[in-house]
Protein backbone atom coordinates (compact mmCIF):
# COMPACT_ATOMS: atom_id res chain seq x y z
CA MET A 1 4.58 32.62 22.09
CA PRO A 2 2.75 34.85 24.46
CA SER A 3 -0.77 33.40 25.31
CA SER A 4 -2.42 36.92 24.70
CA ALA A 5 -1.17 36.95 21.30
CA PRO A 6 -4.08 37.30 18.89
CA THR A 7 -4.43 34.57 16.07
CA LEU A 8 -3.23 35.74 12.94
CA ARG A 9 -5.15 34.07 10.04
CA ARG A 10 -4.70 36.67 7.43
CA ILE A 11 -2.18 39.41 7.18
CA THR A 12 -2.34 42.10 4.56
CA VAL A 13 0.87 44.21 3.65
CA LEU A 14 0.77 47.19 1.41
CA SER A 15 4.01 46.99 -0.44
CA GLY A 16 6.75 48.71 -2.44
CA GLY A 17 9.57 46.84 -4.23
CA VAL A 18 13.09 46.25 -2.84
CA GLY A 19 12.40 47.06 0.85
CA GLY A 20 8.82 45.52 0.78
CA ALA A 21 10.01 42.36 -0.72
CA ARG A 22 12.85 41.88 1.88
CA PHE A 23 10.33 42.50 4.63
CA LEU A 24 7.95 39.92 3.21
CA GLN A 25 10.70 37.36 3.12
CA GLY A 26 11.40 37.86 6.71
CA LEU A 27 7.54 38.07 7.56
CA LEU A 28 7.09 34.43 5.78
CA HIS A 29 10.12 33.07 7.50
CA GLY A 30 8.88 34.47 10.91
CA LEU A 31 5.36 32.69 10.25
CA ARG A 32 7.13 29.29 9.25
CA SER A 33 9.35 29.19 12.11
CA GLY A 34 6.90 30.28 14.91
CA VAL A 35 8.93 33.51 15.64
CA VAL A 36 5.83 35.87 15.01
CA PRO A 37 3.16 35.70 17.86
CA GLY A 38 -0.08 34.45 16.60
CA GLY A 39 1.11 33.31 13.40
CA SER A 40 1.89 30.10 11.74
CA ALA A 41 2.73 28.49 8.25
CA ASP A 42 -1.06 28.38 7.67
CA THR A 43 -1.25 32.30 7.97
CA GLU A 44 -2.50 33.65 4.51
CA VAL A 45 -0.25 36.84 3.42
CA THR A 46 -1.83 39.14 0.81
CA VAL A 47 0.41 41.69 -0.61
CA VAL A 48 -1.06 44.76 -1.97
CA ALA A 49 1.74 46.08 -4.37
CA ASN A 50 2.52 49.70 -5.77
CA THR A 51 1.95 49.95 -9.66
CA ALA A 52 2.42 53.57 -9.84
CA ASP A 53 6.06 53.07 -10.88
CA ASP A 54 4.85 50.89 -14.04
CA TRP A 55 5.53 52.20 -17.21
CA TRP A 56 5.72 51.13 -21.09
CA ILE A 57 8.96 50.59 -22.76
CA HIS A 58 9.70 49.08 -26.13
CA GLY A 59 5.95 47.98 -26.26
CA LEU A 60 6.03 45.99 -23.00
CA LYS A 61 4.41 46.71 -20.07
CA VAL A 62 6.95 46.59 -16.79
CA CYS A 63 5.79 46.31 -13.33
CA PRO A 64 8.85 46.79 -11.15
CA ASP A 65 7.27 46.45 -7.59
CA LEU A 66 5.08 43.37 -8.72
CA ASP A 67 8.01 41.81 -10.20
CA THR A 68 10.42 42.36 -7.32
CA VAL A 69 7.95 40.83 -4.80
CA MET A 70 7.22 37.88 -7.33
CA TYR A 71 10.99 37.18 -7.99
CA THR A 72 12.10 37.69 -4.45
CA LEU A 73 9.76 35.41 -2.88
CA GLY A 74 9.90 33.20 -5.85
CA ASP A 75 13.51 32.76 -5.35
CA GLY A 76 14.35 34.10 -8.83
CA ILE A 77 15.76 37.53 -7.72
CA ASP A 78 19.06 38.97 -8.27
CA VAL A 79 20.30 39.42 -4.69
CA GLU A 80 23.23 41.58 -5.48
CA ARG A 81 21.02 44.13 -7.29
CA GLY A 82 17.85 43.35 -5.46
CA TRP A 83 15.65 43.80 -8.46
CA GLY A 84 15.60 41.85 -11.82
CA ARG A 85 16.39 37.97 -12.51
CA ARG A 86 19.45 36.11 -11.26
CA GLU A 87 21.97 35.00 -13.72
CA GLU A 88 20.66 37.54 -16.06
CA THR A 89 22.11 38.41 -19.70
CA TRP A 90 21.55 41.57 -21.52
CA SER A 91 22.05 40.65 -25.16
CA ALA A 92 18.78 42.56 -26.12
CA LYS A 93 19.74 45.53 -24.40
CA THR A 94 22.90 45.48 -26.29
CA GLU A 95 21.26 45.27 -29.69
CA LEU A 96 18.79 47.87 -29.09
CA GLU A 97 21.45 50.27 -28.09
CA ALA A 98 23.24 49.28 -31.39
CA TYR A 99 20.10 50.17 -33.12
CA GLY A 100 20.08 53.51 -31.57
CA VAL A 101 16.61 52.59 -29.80
CA GLU A 102 15.78 54.95 -26.92
CA PRO A 103 15.92 54.84 -23.82
CA THR A 104 19.35 53.43 -23.61
CA TRP A 105 19.45 54.19 -19.79
CA PHE A 106 16.77 51.61 -18.83
CA GLY A 107 17.82 48.19 -19.76
CA LEU A 108 15.56 44.86 -19.84
CA GLY A 109 17.37 41.64 -19.02
CA ASP A 110 16.83 38.87 -21.49
CA ARG A 111 15.27 36.57 -18.67
CA ASP A 112 12.94 39.52 -17.52
CA ILE A 113 11.82 40.29 -21.00
CA ALA A 114 9.89 36.90 -20.97
CA THR A 115 7.80 38.12 -18.00
CA HIS A 116 7.00 41.33 -19.74
CA LEU A 117 6.19 39.85 -22.86
CA VAL A 118 3.64 37.26 -21.18
CA ARG A 119 2.13 40.32 -19.48
CA THR A 120 1.75 42.45 -22.23
CA GLN A 121 0.18 39.82 -24.48
CA MET A 122 -2.38 39.06 -21.58
CA LEU A 123 -3.20 42.66 -21.23
CA GLU A 124 -3.63 43.40 -25.05
CA ALA A 125 -5.97 40.23 -24.96
CA GLY A 126 -8.17 42.02 -22.59
CA PHE A 127 -6.93 40.47 -19.37
CA PRO A 128 -6.99 42.92 -16.42
CA LEU A 129 -3.63 43.31 -14.52
CA SER A 130 -4.85 41.57 -11.27
CA GLN A 131 -5.59 38.42 -13.47
CA VAL A 132 -2.32 38.68 -15.30
CA THR A 133 -0.50 38.90 -12.02
CA GLU A 134 -2.24 35.92 -10.71
CA ALA A 135 -1.24 33.91 -13.84
CA LEU A 136 2.44 34.96 -13.52
CA CYS A 137 2.42 33.90 -9.99
CA ARG A 138 1.60 30.36 -10.87
CA ARG A 139 5.07 29.92 -11.91
CA TRP A 140 6.80 31.71 -9.13
CA GLN A 141 4.73 30.36 -6.24
CA PRO A 142 5.54 33.16 -4.18
CA GLY A 143 3.55 32.15 -1.14
CA VAL A 144 1.50 35.16 -0.64
CA ARG A 145 -1.61 36.49 -2.71
CA LEU A 146 0.03 39.28 -4.83
CA LEU A 147 -2.48 41.97 -5.89
CA PRO A 148 -1.70 45.17 -7.93
CA MET A 149 -3.25 48.28 -6.11
CA SER A 150 -5.32 48.96 -8.93
CA ASP A 151 -5.97 47.46 -12.48
CA ASP A 152 -6.06 50.87 -14.00
CA ARG A 153 -3.28 52.85 -15.32
CA VAL A 154 -1.82 55.00 -12.49
CA GLU A 155 1.92 56.47 -13.09
CA THR A 156 4.04 58.57 -10.80
CA HIS A 157 5.84 61.51 -12.52
CA ILE A 158 8.17 63.94 -11.00
CA ALA A 159 8.83 67.78 -11.66
CA VAL A 160 12.32 68.70 -11.68
CA ALA A 161 13.85 72.09 -12.58
CA ASP A 162 14.59 72.76 -16.13
CA PRO A 163 16.15 76.21 -17.17
CA ASP A 164 15.49 75.87 -20.92
CA SER A 165 11.74 75.34 -20.53
CA ALA A 166 9.23 78.65 -20.21
CA SER A 167 8.28 77.27 -16.84
CA GLY A 168 11.24 76.63 -15.37
CA ARG A 169 10.68 72.96 -14.94
CA LYS A 170 9.68 69.87 -16.75
CA VAL A 171 7.84 66.65 -15.65
CA ILE A 172 9.37 63.26 -16.21
CA HIS A 173 8.44 59.87 -15.66
CA PHE A 174 9.40 58.29 -12.17
CA GLN A 175 11.61 55.71 -13.70
CA GLU A 176 13.50 58.49 -15.54
CA TYR A 177 14.02 60.39 -12.15
CA TRP A 178 15.10 57.30 -10.38
CA VAL A 179 17.22 55.48 -13.11
CA ARG A 180 18.64 57.91 -15.69
CA LEU A 181 18.93 61.08 -13.07
CA ARG A 182 19.59 58.67 -10.03
CA ALA A 183 17.36 60.84 -8.21
CA GLU A 184 20.41 63.19 -7.92
CA VAL A 185 18.40 66.34 -8.55
CA PRO A 186 15.70 67.85 -6.33
CA ALA A 187 12.20 66.71 -6.83
CA GLU A 188 10.04 69.61 -7.05
CA ALA A 189 6.80 68.03 -7.03
CA VAL A 190 5.36 64.33 -7.26
CA LEU A 191 2.52 63.94 -9.56
CA VAL A 192 0.52 60.84 -9.85
CA VAL A 193 -1.28 60.55 -13.01
CA GLY A 194 -4.58 58.78 -13.10
CA GLN A 195 -4.70 58.10 -9.41
CA GLU A 196 -7.85 60.09 -8.90
CA SER A 197 -9.94 58.15 -11.24
CA ALA A 198 -8.60 54.53 -10.32
CA THR A 199 -10.21 51.95 -8.48
CA PRO A 200 -8.73 49.42 -6.10
CA ALA A 201 -8.05 46.08 -7.78
CA PRO A 202 -10.57 43.06 -7.17
CA GLY A 203 -9.71 41.58 -3.74
CA VAL A 204 -7.68 44.81 -2.14
CA LEU A 205 -10.44 46.20 -0.05
CA GLU A 206 -11.64 42.93 0.95
CA ALA A 207 -8.03 41.90 1.93
CA ILE A 208 -7.82 44.88 4.11
CA ALA A 209 -11.23 44.64 5.77
CA GLY A 210 -10.82 41.03 6.44
CA ALA A 211 -7.26 40.96 7.86
CA ASP A 212 -6.21 40.41 11.51
CA LEU A 213 -3.32 42.63 10.76
CA VAL A 214 -2.46 45.19 8.28
CA VAL A 215 1.41 46.15 7.88
CA LEU A 216 2.97 49.05 6.09
CA PRO A 217 6.45 47.90 5.73
CA PRO A 218 9.60 50.10 5.07
CA SER A 219 8.74 50.99 1.63
CA ASN A 220 8.97 54.42 0.16
CA PRO A 221 6.24 56.32 2.12
CA VAL A 222 5.60 58.96 -0.78
CA VAL A 223 5.82 56.77 -4.09
CA SER A 224 5.12 53.18 -2.75
CA VAL A 225 2.84 52.87 0.23
CA GLY A 226 1.83 56.73 -0.41
CA THR A 227 0.74 55.86 -3.97
CA ILE A 228 -1.31 52.74 -2.74
CA LEU A 229 -2.91 54.71 0.01
CA GLY A 230 -3.75 57.37 -2.63
CA VAL A 231 -5.97 55.06 -4.69
CA PRO A 232 -9.56 55.94 -3.80
CA GLY A 233 -11.06 53.77 -1.39
CA ILE A 234 -7.81 52.29 0.05
CA ARG A 235 -6.94 54.77 2.77
CA GLU A 236 -10.56 54.58 3.87
CA ALA A 237 -10.42 50.95 4.15
CA VAL A 238 -7.35 50.89 5.96
CA ARG A 239 -8.84 53.54 8.64
CA SER A 240 -11.91 51.68 9.01
CA THR A 241 -10.68 48.02 9.26
CA ALA A 242 -11.20 46.29 12.64
CA ALA A 243 -7.41 44.98 12.24
CA PRO A 244 -4.64 46.79 13.96
CA VAL A 245 -2.38 48.80 11.54
CA VAL A 246 1.47 48.74 12.06
CA GLY A 247 4.22 50.25 10.28
CA VAL A 248 8.03 49.95 10.01
CA SER A 249 10.09 53.12 9.52
CA PRO A 250 12.25 53.37 6.28
CA ILE A 251 14.25 55.86 7.88
CA VAL A 252 17.08 55.18 10.27
CA ARG A 253 18.98 57.72 12.17
CA ASP A 254 17.61 60.42 9.77
CA ALA A 255 18.55 58.51 6.58
CA PRO A 256 16.56 56.37 4.28
CA VAL A 257 17.76 52.72 4.27
CA HIS A 258 17.30 52.42 0.46
CA GLY A 259 16.19 54.60 -2.50
CA MET A 260 15.24 58.15 -2.72
CA ALA A 261 12.99 58.84 0.24
CA ARG A 262 14.89 61.94 1.14
CA GLN A 263 14.31 63.57 -2.01
CA LEU A 264 10.63 62.90 -2.27
CA LEU A 265 9.88 63.18 1.37
CA THR A 266 11.18 66.93 1.14
CA SER A 267 9.35 67.56 -1.95
CA ILE A 268 6.09 67.12 0.05
CA GLY A 269 7.44 68.92 2.97
CA VAL A 270 7.80 65.95 5.40
CA GLU A 271 10.69 65.88 7.82
CA VAL A 272 13.05 63.00 6.89
CA SER A 273 13.17 61.30 10.46
CA ALA A 274 11.51 58.18 11.81
CA SER A 275 8.99 60.17 13.83
CA GLY A 276 8.44 62.46 10.78
CA VAL A 277 7.20 59.76 8.39
CA GLY A 278 5.06 58.35 11.37
CA VAL A 279 3.35 61.44 11.92
CA HIS A 280 2.91 62.10 8.38
CA TYR A 281 1.06 58.68 7.99
CA GLY A 282 -0.89 59.77 11.19
CA ALA A 283 -2.58 58.05 14.06
CA ARG A 284 -5.75 56.35 13.36
CA SER A 285 -7.28 57.93 16.40
CA ALA A 286 -6.76 61.31 14.71
CA GLY A 287 -7.85 60.23 11.00
CA GLY A 288 -4.61 58.72 10.05
CA VAL A 289 -3.77 55.12 9.24
CA LEU A 290 -1.34 53.88 12.02
CA ASP A 291 -1.95 52.26 15.43
CA GLY A 292 1.67 51.41 15.82
CA TRP A 293 5.08 52.53 14.51
CA LEU A 294 8.47 50.86 14.80
CA VAL A 295 11.55 53.03 14.62
CA ASP A 296 15.22 51.95 14.95
CA ALA A 297 16.87 51.39 18.23
CA GLY A 298 19.16 54.21 17.25
CA ASP A 299 16.05 56.75 17.06
CA ALA A 300 14.58 55.83 20.49
CA GLY A 301 14.76 59.61 21.34
CA GLN A 302 11.74 59.88 18.77
CA VAL A 303 9.34 57.50 20.33
CA ALA A 304 7.97 60.10 22.64
CA ARG A 305 6.95 62.45 19.87
CA LEU A 306 5.14 59.56 18.08
CA GLU A 307 3.24 58.55 21.44
CA GLU A 308 2.25 62.21 21.72
CA ALA A 309 0.72 61.98 18.10
CA GLY A 310 -1.40 58.90 19.24
CA ILE A 311 0.72 56.34 17.61
CA ARG A 312 2.02 53.60 19.74
CA SER A 313 5.83 53.27 19.20
CA ARG A 314 8.96 51.22 20.17
CA ALA A 315 12.51 51.28 19.21
CA VAL A 316 14.09 48.21 17.99
CA PRO A 317 16.64 46.98 15.45
CA LEU A 318 15.22 47.77 11.96
CA MET A 319 18.04 46.60 9.59
CA MET A 320 16.93 43.74 7.43
CA THR A 321 20.30 41.89 7.35
CA ASP A 322 18.69 38.46 7.20
CA PRO A 323 15.46 36.68 7.31
CA ASP A 324 15.87 36.06 11.03
CA ALA A 325 16.64 39.67 11.87
CA THR A 326 13.47 40.85 9.85
CA ALA A 327 11.47 38.15 11.23
CA ALA A 328 12.28 39.45 14.69
CA MET A 329 11.36 42.86 13.64
CA VAL A 330 7.78 41.45 12.64
CA ALA A 331 7.52 39.86 15.92
CA GLU A 332 8.05 43.11 17.42
CA ALA A 333 5.61 44.82 15.17
CA VAL A 334 2.84 42.38 16.11
CA THR A 335 3.47 42.57 20.01
CA LEU A 336 3.35 46.47 19.64
CA VAL A 337 -0.12 46.49 18.46
CA GLY A 338 -1.29 42.99 19.64
CA THR A 339 -0.98 43.15 23.31
């Protein structure tokens, strides 16, 4: 460990689902193994998770990103899919389909339903989502403090072409775009309903202000990290924190590693490249949110553009093939902004 490495007592991560959860696995592994400079097994990690993917289905409140982080770090995730419970069964989904209950394109696994039942009952009893999440985590022991970005209802909707409507387009929930349409049609616009009136969940702003390091993992920059930063007060907290802010590109060699980032970046006019996303986030010195930005070794030619934009950058291997590879990536992020 370099002697100049800052002590990392508290790290705050703004996370989406699958990519963020895998990044967090590597971060925790790196802290426990001593790979991350300045960190240790005692370093406190707070995760502020995107909740704009949340929706209600069959009377149940489903929080995909919160659950993916919780299950992944709690060793309950289906590793093959990257979401949902391991050793899942689908009897309830089959029965609902037999009754003709819509939507049939979104299935809740039998084990997963238990989480949504508990969450829904607690919400209907008057508990805010942040307290519900804390209660659910008592079972899973994820090793991090998991916070929703907001206790308020915020939902991402996507505008797509619809030749049968008078306007020529229709607006659908993000889950329909991602699960039913598989993001195979262009996204004409991204609309985040309820965001302007939302407030950060208790503890979110304090976690950012009190961190020794703030990290933007390789989560979707539009509908994961982007929606977190869009909650009033959060972007400002990231800009003003005394901690360095470092991000990891979700784009490798001009292609998203996972998910539908290409479609959504295109919809908001952002170039689908590692440097394009970094410049979109912007340098803190110029009113953005980044001090440093890691790009993949294959995108080394884009480092100069980022540096010119005021963002310290480095090209390193970014594929999260296992916890060791991810921990090494985290170490590079720390040294990028900590030396």
